[in-house]
Amino acid sequence: MKFKPVFVVLVIIVFVSFLTSRVLGPFKYISYPFDLVSLFSTNIYHIFSDAFKTLSLKREKIEALEKEIDLLNMRLIEYESIKRENALLKELLSLKDSEKKVVAFAKVIRRGLHRWSSGIVIDKGEEDGVRKDMAVITPKGLIGKVLFTNRNFSEVLLLDDSNFRVAVRFLGSRAEGIATGTGRGVIVKYVPLDAEIIKNDWVLTSGLDGIFPEGLLVGYVSEIKEKEFFKEVAIKTSQDLRSLEFVGVVSSERRPGSF
């Protein structure tokens, strides 16, 4: 090893310094190297010890702050959820002031019970006055009808289900037809060829089927096709059927004095 002699000399100096560190007289100066090494080692130890303690305290503070931030985020999410629910309920309550006979307000608790149909399940049933074939709406318009009801819950068939039917009328031309689901959307069949249908026109329930109240908004004209004997009109539903949270169940019976 190239630096071995130097290393041996340093070890000897340190050892001799240690032996003479407590000796009085001129030999005490020989202990200076040991004292310097000892002082340096002590200082280094304290520096690293203080740094470690500081880092530990900072880590603890950071972890505490992260937990507090997570808690605040959870509370914020809960607040926004409650705020949204209150807004939706307020919109539904406004329906009571209209001519629609609202039987019950309900919360959507899950998607439909049958995989092959488009539907939802709501938390209101026979005890709340809900009956089969009653219309189900939101403040934006018609979304379906009651398919099945139990004591405490009901299943709702949505507009875009292939088994759904509702008599409708176009606001502009007053032409009539039957809206039905396709599984992916809604189309209006049996529209007369001479009917002047324009895009974005409103499509409303006509009330002629005896199930749905007249005047419920179903959607807007999005596409018009001419078939051999009739026009076929695709409509965009007024309510997104995949983001339902609260709904109202209405009876087809009219209130006294309504038109």
C-alpha atoms as a PDB file:
ATOM      1  CA  MET A   1       0.000   0.000   0.000  1.00  0.00           C
ATOM      2  CA  LYS A   2       1.535   3.325  -1.119  1.00  0.00           C
ATOM      3  CA  PHE A   3       0.487   5.476   1.945  1.00  0.00           C
ATOM      4  CA  LYS A   4       1.061   2.835   4.610  1.00  0.00           C
ATOM      5  CA  PRO A   5       4.104   4.545   6.305  1.00  0.00           C
ATOM      6  CA  VAL A   6       2.189   7.831   6.572  1.00  0.00           C
ATOM      7  CA  PHE A   7      -0.808   6.045   8.075  1.00  0.00           C
ATOM      8  CA  VAL A   8       1.399   4.317  10.661  1.00  0.00           C
ATOM      9  CA  VAL A   9       2.977   7.643  11.627  1.00  0.00           C
ATOM     10  CA  LEU A  10      -0.451   9.229  12.140  1.00  0.00           C
ATOM     11  CA  VAL A  11      -1.601   6.348  14.310  1.00  0.00           C
ATOM     12  CA  ILE A  12       1.542   6.640  16.445  1.00  0.00           C
ATOM     13  CA  ILE A  13       1.043  10.392  16.851  1.00  0.00           C
ATOM     14  CA  VAL A  14      -2.572   9.943  17.916  1.00  0.00           C
ATOM     15  CA  PHE A  15      -1.648   7.178  20.349  1.00  0.00           C
ATOM     16  CA  VAL A  16       1.171   9.161  21.894  1.00  0.00           C
ATOM     17  CA  SER A  17      -1.090  12.211  22.107  1.00  0.00           C
ATOM     18  CA  PHE A  18      -3.649  10.161  23.971  1.00  0.00           C
ATOM     19  CA  LEU A  19      -1.034   8.920  26.477  1.00  0.00           C
ATOM     20  CA  THR A  20       0.324  12.373  27.074  1.00  0.00           C
ATOM     21  CA  SER A  21      -2.985  14.236  27.022  1.00  0.00           C
ATOM     22  CA  ARG A  22      -3.079  14.287  30.835  1.00  0.00           C
ATOM     23  CA  VAL A  23       0.678  14.751  31.381  1.00  0.00           C
ATOM     24  CA  LEU A  24       1.765  18.154  32.685  1.00  0.00           C
ATOM     25  CA  GLY A  25       4.795  19.960  31.393  1.00  0.00           C
ATOM     26  CA  PRO A  26       6.219  20.196  27.916  1.00  0.00           C
ATOM     27  CA  PHE A  27       4.774  16.774  26.902  1.00  0.00           C
ATOM     28  CA  LYS A  28       1.270  18.151  26.989  1.00  0.00           C
ATOM     29  CA  TYR A  29       1.815  19.823  23.626  1.00  0.00           C
ATOM     30  CA  ILE A  30       2.225  16.414  22.057  1.00  0.00           C
ATOM     31  CA  SER A  31      -1.496  15.787  22.843  1.00  0.00           C
ATOM     32  CA  TYR A  32      -2.652  18.592  20.552  1.00  0.00           C
ATOM     33  CA  PRO A  33      -3.199  16.332  17.510  1.00  0.00           C
ATOM     34  CA  PHE A  34      -5.409  14.008  19.554  1.00  0.00           C
ATOM     35  CA  ASP A  35      -7.307  16.964  20.990  1.00  0.00           C
ATOM     36  CA  LEU A  36      -7.856  18.358  17.533  1.00  0.00           C
ATOM     37  CA  VAL A  37      -9.068  15.013  16.180  1.00  0.00           C
ATOM     38  CA  SER A  38     -11.339  14.530  19.209  1.00  0.00           C
ATOM     39  CA  LEU A  39     -12.755  18.048  18.896  1.00  0.00           C
ATOM     40  CA  PHE A  40     -13.346  17.610  15.172  1.00  0.00           C
ATOM     41  CA  SER A  41     -15.081  14.250  15.697  1.00  0.00           C
ATOM     42  CA  THR A  42     -17.309  15.703  18.436  1.00  0.00           C
ATOM     43  CA  ASN A  43     -18.309  18.659  16.285  1.00  0.00           C
ATOM     44  CA  ILE A  44     -19.107  16.420  13.345  1.00  0.00           C
ATOM     45  CA  TYR A  45     -21.233  14.180  15.593  1.00  0.00           C
ATOM     46  CA  HIS A  46     -23.230  17.131  16.927  1.00  0.00           C
ATOM     47  CA  ILE A  47     -23.721  18.569  13.449  1.00  0.00           C
ATOM     48  CA  PHE A  48     -25.102  15.293  12.059  1.00  0.00           C
ATOM     49  CA  SER A  49     -27.140  14.666  15.206  1.00  0.00           C
ATOM     50  CA  ASP A  50     -28.770  18.106  15.012  1.00  0.00           C
ATOM     51  CA  ALA A  51     -29.401  17.687  11.293  1.00  0.00           C
ATOM     52  CA  PHE A  52     -31.050  14.296  11.849  1.00  0.00           C
ATOM     53  CA  LYS A  53     -33.278  15.704  14.604  1.00  0.00           C
ATOM     54  CA  THR A  54     -34.257  18.635  12.361  1.00  0.00           C
ATOM     55  CA  LEU A  55     -35.104  16.317   9.465  1.00  0.00           C
ATOM     56  CA  SER A  56     -37.166  14.060  11.750  1.00  0.00           C
ATOM     57  CA  LEU A  57     -39.162  17.028  13.041  1.00  0.00           C
ATOM     58  CA  LYS A  58     -39.728  18.313   9.513  1.00  0.00           C
ATOM     59  CA  ARG A  59     -40.874  14.844   8.371  1.00  0.00           C
ATOM     60  CA  GLU A  60     -43.335  14.623  11.256  1.00  0.00           C
ATOM     61  CA  LYS A  61     -44.700  18.085  10.439  1.00  0.00           C
ATOM     62  CA  ILE A  62     -45.051  17.197   6.753  1.00  0.00           C
ATOM     63  CA  GLU A  63     -46.909  13.970   7.580  1.00  0.00           C
ATOM     64  CA  ALA A  64     -49.223  15.848   9.940  1.00  0.00           C
ATOM     65  CA  LEU A  65     -49.922  18.484   7.266  1.00  0.00           C
ATOM     66  CA  GLU A  66     -50.588  15.802   4.638  1.00  0.00           C
ATOM     67  CA  LYS A  67     -53.140  14.115   6.943  1.00  0.00           C
ATOM     68  CA  GLU A  68     -54.811  17.473   7.581  1.00  0.00           C
ATOM     69  CA  ILE A  69     -54.957  18.198   3.832  1.00  0.00           C
ATOM     70  CA  ASP A  70     -56.510  14.769   3.151  1.00  0.00           C
ATOM     71  CA  LEU A  71     -59.142  15.415   5.842  1.00  0.00           C
ATOM     72  CA  LEU A  72     -59.949  18.848   4.406  1.00  0.00           C
ATOM     73  CA  ASN A  73     -60.236  17.389   0.892  1.00  0.00           C
ATOM     74  CA  MET A  74     -62.691  14.754   2.136  1.00  0.00           C
ATOM     75  CA  ARG A  75     -64.785  17.414   3.851  1.00  0.00           C
ATOM     76  CA  LEU A  76     -64.718  19.553   0.692  1.00  0.00           C
ATOM     77  CA  ILE A  77     -65.937  16.615  -1.415  1.00  0.00           C
ATOM     78  CA  GLU A  78     -68.737  15.948   1.094  1.00  0.00           C
ATOM     79  CA  TYR A  79     -69.696  19.639   1.063  1.00  0.00           C
ATOM     80  CA  GLU A  80     -69.794  19.788  -2.748  1.00  0.00           C
ATOM     81  CA  SER A  81     -71.876  16.600  -2.845  1.00  0.00           C
ATOM     82  CA  ILE A  82     -74.399  17.995  -0.342  1.00  0.00           C
ATOM     83  CA  LYS A  83     -74.472  21.322  -2.207  1.00  0.00           C
ATOM     84  CA  ARG A  84     -75.197  19.547  -5.505  1.00  0.00           C
ATOM     85  CA  GLU A  85     -77.918  17.400  -3.940  1.00  0.00           C
ATOM     86  CA  ASN A  86     -79.575  20.471  -2.446  1.00  0.00           C
ATOM     87  CA  ALA A  87     -79.523  22.213  -5.833  1.00  0.00           C
ATOM     88  CA  LEU A  88     -81.115  19.201  -7.543  1.00  0.00           C
ATOM     89  CA  LEU A  89     -83.771  18.871  -4.848  1.00  0.00           C
ATOM     90  CA  LYS A  90     -84.545  22.580  -5.126  1.00  0.00           C
ATOM     91  CA  GLU A  91     -85.113  22.178  -8.865  1.00  0.00           C
ATOM     92  CA  LEU A  92     -87.383  19.200  -8.272  1.00  0.00           C
ATOM     93  CA  LEU A  93     -89.362  21.050  -5.602  1.00  0.00           C
ATOM     94  CA  SER A  94     -90.021  23.819  -8.124  1.00  0.00           C
ATOM     95  CA  LEU A  95     -92.080  21.276 -10.087  1.00  0.00           C
ATOM     96  CA  LYS A  96     -94.719  21.425  -7.363  1.00  0.00           C
ATOM     97  CA  ASP A  97     -95.557  24.931  -8.519  1.00  0.00           C
ATOM     98  CA  SER A  98     -96.245  23.734 -12.051  1.00  0.00           C
ATOM     99  CA  GLU A  99     -99.323  22.004 -13.415  1.00  0.00           C
ATOM    100  CA  LYS A 100     -97.680  18.575 -13.055  1.00  0.00           C
ATOM    101  CA  LYS A 101     -99.040  16.351 -10.315  1.00  0.00           C
ATOM    102  CA  VAL A 102     -95.884  15.221  -8.524  1.00  0.00           C
ATOM    103  CA  VAL A 103     -96.506  12.030  -6.541  1.00  0.00           C
ATOM    104  CA  ALA A 104     -93.028  11.596  -5.055  1.00  0.00           C
ATOM    105  CA  PHE A 105     -89.425  12.736  -5.255  1.00  0.00           C
ATOM    106  CA  ALA A 106     -86.927   9.888  -5.326  1.00  0.00           C
ATOM    107  CA  LYS A 107     -83.210   9.188  -5.284  1.00  0.00           C
ATOM    108  CA  VAL A 108     -81.589   6.876  -7.831  1.00  0.00           C
ATOM    109  CA  ILE A 109     -80.013   4.025  -5.870  1.00  0.00           C
ATOM    110  CA  ARG A 110     -78.658   1.838  -8.682  1.00  0.00           C
ATOM    111  CA  ARG A 111     -78.826   0.974 -12.358  1.00  0.00           C
ATOM    112  CA  GLY A 112     -81.593  -1.299 -13.638  1.00  0.00           C
ATOM    113  CA  LEU A 113     -82.153  -4.815 -12.314  1.00  0.00           C
ATOM    114  CA  HIS A 114     -82.038  -6.335 -15.807  1.00  0.00           C
ATOM    115  CA  ARG A 115     -78.851  -6.242 -17.877  1.00  0.00           C
ATOM    116  CA  TRP A 116     -80.724  -6.357 -21.163  1.00  0.00           C
ATOM    117  CA  SER A 117     -82.801  -3.240 -20.434  1.00  0.00           C
ATOM    118  CA  SER A 118     -81.997   0.407 -19.853  1.00  0.00           C
ATOM    119  CA  GLY A 119     -83.311   1.366 -16.440  1.00  0.00           C
ATOM    120  CA  ILE A 120     -82.719   2.648 -12.930  1.00  0.00           C
ATOM    121  CA  VAL A 121     -83.986   1.794  -9.450  1.00  0.00           C
ATOM    122  CA  ILE A 122     -85.379   4.531  -7.193  1.00  0.00           C
ATOM    123  CA  ASP A 123     -85.955   4.554  -3.431  1.00  0.00           C
ATOM    124  CA  LYS A 124     -89.720   5.177  -3.542  1.00  0.00           C
ATOM    125  CA  GLY A 125     -92.477   2.611  -3.998  1.00  0.00           C
ATOM    126  CA  GLU A 126     -96.117   1.794  -3.364  1.00  0.00           C
ATOM    127  CA  GLU A 127     -96.079   3.236   0.167  1.00  0.00           C
ATOM    128  CA  ASP A 128     -95.157   6.602  -1.394  1.00  0.00           C
ATOM    129  CA  GLY A 129     -97.964   6.489  -3.960  1.00  0.00           C
ATOM    130  CA  VAL A 130     -95.803   5.304  -6.875  1.00  0.00           C
ATOM    131  CA  ARG A 131     -97.658   3.120  -9.381  1.00  0.00           C
ATOM    132  CA  LYS A 132     -96.803   1.226 -12.556  1.00  0.00           C
ATOM    133  CA  ASP A 133     -96.639   3.318 -15.787  1.00  0.00           C
ATOM    134  CA  MET A 134     -96.331   6.650 -13.969  1.00  0.00           C
ATOM    135  CA  ALA A 135     -94.060   9.139 -15.745  1.00  0.00           C
ATOM    136  CA  VAL A 136     -90.631   9.825 -14.270  1.00  0.00           C
ATOM    137  CA  ILE A 137     -89.072  13.253 -14.834  1.00  0.00           C
ATOM    138  CA  THR A 138     -86.326  15.670 -13.857  1.00  0.00           C
ATOM    139  CA  PRO A 139     -86.499  19.479 -14.094  1.00  0.00           C
ATOM    140  CA  LYS A 140     -85.126  19.040 -17.643  1.00  0.00           C
ATOM    141  CA  GLY A 141     -87.930  16.789 -18.836  1.00  0.00           C
ATOM    142  CA  LEU A 142     -89.145  13.205 -19.236  1.00  0.00           C
ATOM    143  CA  ILE A 143     -86.651  10.406 -18.569  1.00  0.00           C
ATOM    144  CA  GLY A 144     -88.860   7.288 -18.407  1.00  0.00           C
ATOM    145  CA  LYS A 145     -91.748   5.518 -16.719  1.00  0.00           C
ATOM    146  CA  VAL A 146     -92.302   3.215 -13.755  1.00  0.00           C
ATOM    147  CA  LEU A 147     -91.941  -0.382 -14.941  1.00  0.00           C
ATOM    148  CA  PHE A 148     -92.253  -2.216 -11.637  1.00  0.00           C
ATOM    149  CA  THR A 149     -92.989  -1.127  -8.093  1.00  0.00           C
ATOM    150  CA  ASN A 150     -92.590  -2.690  -4.651  1.00  0.00           C
ATOM    151  CA  ARG A 151     -93.350  -1.363  -1.182  1.00  0.00           C
ATOM    152  CA  ASN A 152     -90.166   0.689  -0.839  1.00  0.00           C
ATOM    153  CA  PHE A 153     -88.551   0.900  -4.276  1.00  0.00           C
ATOM    154  CA  SER A 154     -89.401   0.979  -7.978  1.00  0.00           C
ATOM    155  CA  GLU A 155     -87.721   0.170 -11.257  1.00  0.00           C
ATOM    156  CA  VAL A 156     -87.849   2.789 -14.004  1.00  0.00           C
ATOM    157  CA  LEU A 157     -87.647   2.064 -17.738  1.00  0.00           C
ATOM    158  CA  LEU A 158     -85.639   4.814 -19.451  1.00  0.00           C
ATOM    159  CA  LEU A 159     -86.413   6.614 -22.707  1.00  0.00           C
ATOM    160  CA  ASP A 160     -83.648   4.950 -24.704  1.00  0.00           C
ATOM    161  CA  ASP A 161     -84.795   1.386 -23.941  1.00  0.00           C
ATOM    162  CA  SER A 162     -86.090  -0.474 -26.997  1.00  0.00           C
ATOM    163  CA  ASN A 163     -89.310  -1.342 -25.105  1.00  0.00           C
ATOM    164  CA  PHE A 164     -90.151   2.277 -24.330  1.00  0.00           C
ATOM    165  CA  ARG A 165     -92.929   4.121 -26.208  1.00  0.00           C
ATOM    166  CA  VAL A 166     -94.431   7.592 -25.772  1.00  0.00           C
ATOM    167  CA  ALA A 167     -96.722   9.701 -27.973  1.00  0.00           C
ATOM    168  CA  VAL A 168     -95.018  12.988 -28.856  1.00  0.00           C
ATOM    169  CA  ARG A 169     -95.613  16.233 -30.711  1.00  0.00           C
ATOM    170  CA  PHE A 170     -93.143  18.613 -32.392  1.00  0.00           C
ATOM    171  CA  LEU A 171     -93.504  22.124 -31.026  1.00  0.00           C
ATOM    172  CA  GLY A 172     -92.957  23.959 -34.318  1.00  0.00           C
ATOM    173  CA  SER A 173     -94.981  21.939 -36.822  1.00  0.00           C
ATOM    174  CA  ARG A 174     -97.382  20.343 -34.285  1.00  0.00           C
ATOM    175  CA  ALA A 175     -96.790  17.062 -36.146  1.00  0.00           C
ATOM    176  CA  GLU A 176     -97.139  13.912 -34.068  1.00  0.00           C
ATOM    177  CA  GLY A 177     -95.373  10.571 -33.823  1.00  0.00           C
ATOM    178  CA  ILE A 178     -94.268   7.814 -31.471  1.00  0.00           C
ATOM    179  CA  ALA A 179     -90.910   8.155 -29.695  1.00  0.00           C
ATOM    180  CA  THR A 180     -89.137   4.886 -28.963  1.00  0.00           C
ATOM    181  CA  GLY A 181     -85.758   3.873 -27.645  1.00  0.00           C
ATOM    182  CA  THR A 182     -83.143   2.135 -29.755  1.00  0.00           C
ATOM    183  CA  GLY A 183     -80.827   0.997 -26.984  1.00  0.00           C
ATOM    184  CA  ARG A 184     -78.417   3.788 -27.858  1.00  0.00           C
ATOM    185  CA  GLY A 185     -80.748   6.733 -28.356  1.00  0.00           C
ATOM    186  CA  VAL A 186     -84.320   7.816 -29.125  1.00  0.00           C
ATOM    187  CA  ILE A 187     -86.124   8.162 -32.467  1.00  0.00           C
ATOM    188  CA  VAL A 188     -89.606   9.348 -33.420  1.00  0.00           C
ATOM    189  CA  LYS A 189     -91.440   7.077 -35.854  1.00  0.00           C
ATOM    190  CA  TYR A 190     -94.550   7.523 -37.993  1.00  0.00           C
ATOM    191  CA  VAL A 191     -94.005  11.231 -38.639  1.00  0.00           C
ATOM    192  CA  PRO A 192     -95.933  12.314 -41.807  1.00  0.00           C
ATOM    193  CA  LEU A 193     -93.737  12.947 -44.848  1.00  0.00           C
ATOM    194  CA  ASP A 194     -95.257  16.384 -45.396  1.00  0.00           C
ATOM    195  CA  ALA A 195     -94.534  17.517 -41.813  1.00  0.00           C
ATOM    196  CA  GLU A 196     -92.050  20.402 -41.678  1.00  0.00           C
ATOM    197  CA  ILE A 197     -89.549  19.145 -39.114  1.00  0.00           C
ATOM    198  CA  ILE A 198     -86.525  21.323 -38.385  1.00  0.00           C
ATOM    199  CA  LYS A 199     -83.368  20.572 -36.408  1.00  0.00           C
ATOM    200  CA  ASN A 200     -83.288  21.590 -32.736  1.00  0.00           C
ATOM    201  CA  ASP A 201     -87.088  21.812 -32.580  1.00  0.00           C
ATOM    202  CA  TRP A 202     -88.574  20.761 -29.234  1.00  0.00           C
ATOM    203  CA  VAL A 203     -90.215  17.350 -28.908  1.00  0.00           C
ATOM    204  CA  LEU A 204     -92.940  17.199 -26.216  1.00  0.00           C
ATOM    205  CA  THR A 205     -95.312  14.541 -24.929  1.00  0.00           C
ATOM    206  CA  SER A 206     -98.728  14.857 -26.583  1.00  0.00           C
ATOM    207  CA  GLY A 207    -100.741  13.081 -23.892  1.00  0.00           C
ATOM    208  CA  LEU A 208    -102.563  11.017 -26.530  1.00  0.00           C
ATOM    209  CA  ASP A 209    -101.280   7.713 -25.144  1.00  0.00           C
ATOM    210  CA  GLY A 210    -103.159   8.237 -21.879  1.00  0.00           C
ATOM    211  CA  ILE A 211    -100.045   7.414 -19.848  1.00  0.00           C
ATOM    212  CA  PHE A 212     -97.862  10.496 -19.916  1.00  0.00           C
ATOM    213  CA  PRO A 213     -99.049  14.033 -19.089  1.00  0.00           C
ATOM    214  CA  GLU A 214     -99.095  16.445 -21.991  1.00  0.00           C
ATOM    215  CA  GLY A 215     -96.279  18.961 -22.414  1.00  0.00           C
ATOM    216  CA  LEU A 216     -93.290  17.108 -20.897  1.00  0.00           C
ATOM    217  CA  LEU A 217     -90.078  17.891 -22.752  1.00  0.00           C
ATOM    218  CA  VAL A 218     -88.562  14.739 -24.278  1.00  0.00           C
ATOM    219  CA  GLY A 219     -85.697  16.194 -26.303  1.00  0.00           C
ATOM    220  CA  TYR A 220     -84.591  18.111 -29.403  1.00  0.00           C
ATOM    221  CA  VAL A 221     -84.499  17.150 -33.074  1.00  0.00           C
ATOM    222  CA  SER A 222     -80.992  16.105 -34.072  1.00  0.00           C
ATOM    223  CA  GLU A 223     -81.460  14.279 -37.409  1.00  0.00           C
ATOM    224  CA  ILE A 224     -84.238  13.790 -39.957  1.00  0.00           C
ATOM    225  CA  LYS A 225     -84.537  10.851 -42.362  1.00  0.00           C
ATOM    226  CA  GLU A 226     -87.215  10.206 -44.973  1.00  0.00           C
ATOM    227  CA  LYS A 227     -88.434   6.635 -45.231  1.00  0.00           C
ATOM    228  CA  GLU A 228     -90.889   5.159 -47.753  1.00  0.00           C
ATOM    229  CA  PHE A 229     -94.083   6.277 -46.015  1.00  0.00           C
ATOM    230  CA  PHE A 230     -92.959   8.318 -43.015  1.00  0.00           C
ATOM    231  CA  LYS A 231     -90.150  10.427 -41.657  1.00  0.00           C
ATOM    232  CA  GLU A 232     -87.908   9.070 -38.939  1.00  0.00           C
ATOM    233  CA  VAL A 233     -86.539  11.703 -36.572  1.00  0.00           C
ATOM    234  CA  ALA A 234     -83.646  11.166 -34.186  1.00  0.00           C
ATOM    235  CA  ILE A 235     -83.772  13.271 -31.038  1.00  0.00           C
ATOM    236  CA  LYS A 236     -81.292  14.175 -28.351  1.00  0.00           C
ATOM    237  CA  THR A 237     -82.853  13.690 -24.916  1.00  0.00           C
ATOM    238  CA  SER A 238     -83.143  16.817 -22.794  1.00  0.00           C
ATOM    239  CA  GLN A 239     -81.640  14.974 -19.810  1.00  0.00           C
ATOM    240  CA  ASP A 240     -78.457  12.911 -19.807  1.00  0.00           C
ATOM    241  CA  LEU A 241     -79.814   9.473 -18.918  1.00  0.00           C
ATOM    242  CA  ARG A 242     -76.473   8.272 -17.534  1.00  0.00           C
ATOM    243  CA  SER A 243     -76.108  10.977 -14.874  1.00  0.00           C
ATOM    244  CA  LEU A 244     -79.404  10.689 -13.000  1.00  0.00           C
ATOM    245  CA  GLU A 245     -79.378  11.310  -9.232  1.00  0.00           C
ATOM    246  CA  PHE A 246     -82.827  12.585  -8.238  1.00  0.00           C
ATOM    247  CA  VAL A 247     -86.114  12.230 -10.110  1.00  0.00           C
ATOM    248  CA  GLY A 248     -89.785  13.041  -9.690  1.00  0.00           C
ATOM    249  CA  VAL A 249     -92.670  10.636 -10.268  1.00  0.00           C
ATOM    250  CA  VAL A 250     -95.780  12.265 -11.740  1.00  0.00           C
ATOM    251  CA  SER A 251     -99.315  11.122 -12.364  1.00  0.00           C
ATOM    252  CA  SER A 252    -101.032  11.476 -15.748  1.00  0.00           C
ATOM    253  CA  GLU A 253    -104.014  13.033 -13.970  1.00  0.00           C
ATOM    254  CA  ARG A 254    -104.254  16.799 -14.252  1.00  0.00           C
ATOM    255  CA  ARG A 255    -104.724  19.208 -11.413  1.00  0.00           C
ATOM    256  CA  PRO A 256    -108.046  21.046 -11.265  1.00  0.00           C
ATOM    257  CA  GLY A 257    -107.877  24.187 -13.368  1.00  0.00           C
ATOM    258  CA  SER A 258    -104.860  23.132 -15.469  1.00  0.00           C
ATOM    259  CA  PHE A 259    -105.010  23.170 -19.241  1.00  0.00           C
END
